[in-house]
C-alpha atoms as a PDB file:
ATOM      1  CA  MET A   1    -200.628  11.627-174.386  1.00  0.00           C
ATOM      2  CA  SER A   2    -201.504  11.112-178.017  1.00  0.00           C
ATOM      3  CA  THR A   3    -203.668  13.468-180.023  1.00  0.00           C
ATOM      4  CA  GLU A   4    -206.136  10.628-180.555  1.00  0.00           C
ATOM      5  CA  TRP A   5    -206.601  10.187-176.785  1.00  0.00           C
ATOM      6  CA  ILE A   6    -206.986  13.936-176.254  1.00  0.00           C
ATOM      7  CA  ASN A   7    -209.626  14.059-178.987  1.00  0.00           C
ATOM      8  CA  ARG A   8    -211.474  11.090-177.492  1.00  0.00           C
ATOM      9  CA  LEU A   9    -211.368  12.631-173.995  1.00  0.00           C
ATOM     10  CA  THR A  10    -212.777  15.870-175.373  1.00  0.00           C
ATOM     11  CA  THR A  11    -215.536  14.057-177.254  1.00  0.00           C
ATOM     12  CA  LEU A  12    -216.546  12.027-174.206  1.00  0.00           C
ATOM     13  CA  GLN A  13    -216.560  15.074-171.942  1.00  0.00           C
ATOM     14  CA  ARG A  14    -218.744  16.963-174.431  1.00  0.00           C
ATOM     15  CA  THR A  15    -221.094  14.001-174.690  1.00  0.00           C
ATOM     16  CA  LEU A  16    -221.478  13.915-170.911  1.00  0.00           C
ATOM     17  CA  THR A  17    -222.062  17.665-170.792  1.00  0.00           C
ATOM     18  CA  VAL A  18    -225.001  17.238-173.164  1.00  0.00           C
ATOM     19  CA  CYS A  19    -226.219  13.941-171.699  1.00  0.00           C
ATOM     20  CA  PRO A  20    -224.818  13.274-168.202  1.00  0.00           C
ATOM     21  CA  THR A  21    -226.761  10.008-167.962  1.00  0.00           C
ATOM     22  CA  ASN A  22    -224.945   8.419-170.924  1.00  0.00           C
ATOM     23  CA  GLY A  23    -223.555   5.370-169.140  1.00  0.00           C
ATOM     24  CA  SER A  24    -221.498   4.043-172.022  1.00  0.00           C
ATOM     25  CA  ALA A  25    -219.724   7.393-172.498  1.00  0.00           C
ATOM     26  CA  ARG A  26    -219.069   7.658-168.752  1.00  0.00           C
ATOM     27  CA  CYS A  27    -217.708   4.102-168.670  1.00  0.00           C
ATOM     28  CA  GLU A  28    -215.422   4.755-171.630  1.00  0.00           C
ATOM     29  CA  LEU A  29    -214.233   8.037-170.099  1.00  0.00           C
ATOM     30  CA  ALA A  30    -213.467   6.373-166.756  1.00  0.00           C
ATOM     31  CA  SER A  31    -211.534   3.605-168.517  1.00  0.00           C
ATOM     32  CA  LEU A  32    -209.563   6.098-170.579  1.00  0.00           C
ATOM     33  CA  LEU A  33    -208.749   8.178-167.494  1.00  0.00           C
ATOM     34  CA  GLU A  34    -207.463   5.027-165.790  1.00  0.00           C
ATOM     35  CA  ARG A  35    -205.187   4.311-168.747  1.00  0.00           C
ATOM     36  CA  LEU A  36    -203.885   7.865-168.434  1.00  0.00           C
ATOM     37  CA  ASN A  37    -203.137   7.314-164.720  1.00  0.00           C
ATOM     38  CA  GLN A  38    -205.859   9.770-163.702  1.00  0.00           C
ATOM     39  CA  SER A  39    -207.210   7.412-161.041  1.00  0.00           C
ATOM     40  CA  GLU A  40    -208.879  10.058-158.891  1.00  0.00           C
ATOM     41  CA  GLU A  41    -210.885  11.495-161.776  1.00  0.00           C
ATOM     42  CA  ALA A  42    -211.670   7.995-163.061  1.00  0.00           C
ATOM     43  CA  LEU A  43    -212.934   7.061-159.587  1.00  0.00           C
ATOM     44  CA  VAL A  44    -215.393   9.968-159.660  1.00  0.00           C
ATOM     45  CA  HIS A  45    -216.840   8.691-162.938  1.00  0.00           C
ATOM     46  CA  TRP A  46    -216.957   5.065-161.782  1.00  0.00           C
ATOM     47  CA  LYS A  47    -218.873   6.160-158.664  1.00  0.00           C
ATOM     48  CA  MET A  48    -221.315   8.190-160.754  1.00  0.00           C
ATOM     49  CA  LEU A  49    -221.867   5.185-163.002  1.00  0.00           C
ATOM     50  CA  LEU A  50    -222.465   2.938-159.983  1.00  0.00           C
ATOM     51  CA  ALA A  51    -224.925   5.454-158.513  1.00  0.00           C
ATOM     52  CA  ALA A  52    -226.894   5.349-161.772  1.00  0.00           C
ATOM     53  CA  ASP A  53    -226.640   1.556-162.079  1.00  0.00           C
ATOM     54  CA  PRO A  54    -225.988  -0.203-158.748  1.00  0.00           C
ATOM     55  CA  ASN A  55    -225.628  -3.537-160.565  1.00  0.00           C
ATOM     56  CA  SER A  56    -222.821  -2.354-162.853  1.00  0.00           C
ATOM     57  CA  LEU A  57    -219.991  -4.839-162.583  1.00  0.00           C
ATOM     58  CA  GLN A  58    -217.731  -2.572-164.667  1.00  0.00           C
ATOM     59  CA  ALA A  59    -218.253   0.294-162.220  1.00  0.00           C
ATOM     60  CA  ARG A  60    -217.575  -1.947-159.220  1.00  0.00           C
ATOM     61  CA  GLU A  61    -214.386  -3.265-160.813  1.00  0.00           C
ATOM     62  CA  GLY A  62    -213.298   0.270-161.740  1.00  0.00           C
ATOM     63  CA  ILE A  63    -213.822   1.454-158.173  1.00  0.00           C
ATOM     64  CA  ALA A  64    -211.885  -1.549-156.866  1.00  0.00           C
ATOM     65  CA  ARG A  65    -208.944  -0.650-159.127  1.00  0.00           C
ATOM     66  CA  CYS A  66    -208.955   3.110-158.534  1.00  0.00           C
ATOM     67  CA  ALA A  67    -209.787   3.492-154.843  1.00  0.00           C
ATOM     68  CA  PRO A  68    -206.520   1.978-153.557  1.00  0.00           C
ATOM     69  CA  LYS A  69    -204.497   4.149-155.952  1.00  0.00           C
ATOM     70  CA  VAL A  70    -205.980   7.336-154.531  1.00  0.00           C
ATOM     71  CA  GLY A  71    -205.806   6.128-150.940  1.00  0.00           C
ATOM     72  CA  ARG A  72    -209.535   5.806-150.374  1.00  0.00           C
ATOM     73  CA  PRO A  73    -211.026   2.753-148.693  1.00  0.00           C
ATOM     74  CA  LEU A  74    -213.546   0.698-150.608  1.00  0.00           C
ATOM     75  CA  GLN A  75    -217.064   1.292-149.343  1.00  0.00           C
ATOM     76  CA  SER A  76    -220.420  -0.061-150.286  1.00  0.00           C
ATOM     77  CA  PRO A  77    -222.739   2.602-151.654  1.00  0.00           C
ATOM     78  CA  SER A  78    -225.408   3.563-149.142  1.00  0.00           C
END
């Protein structure tokens, strides 16, 4: 993992600590985690994003990519 990615991960995590509702930071973090093959952690963030914005196509696509990798069935949010 490059230093640049580590720095970006740290920045995004700090941003979400201060403002957990920052959808763009959460989306970027989930995408970065996917690129780093951290599908389970990315899935958590995609689900949080979808809970905050049920119409988020990016979150739905992220869940569709990550869920099979972590062995979880796709489910509609209730």
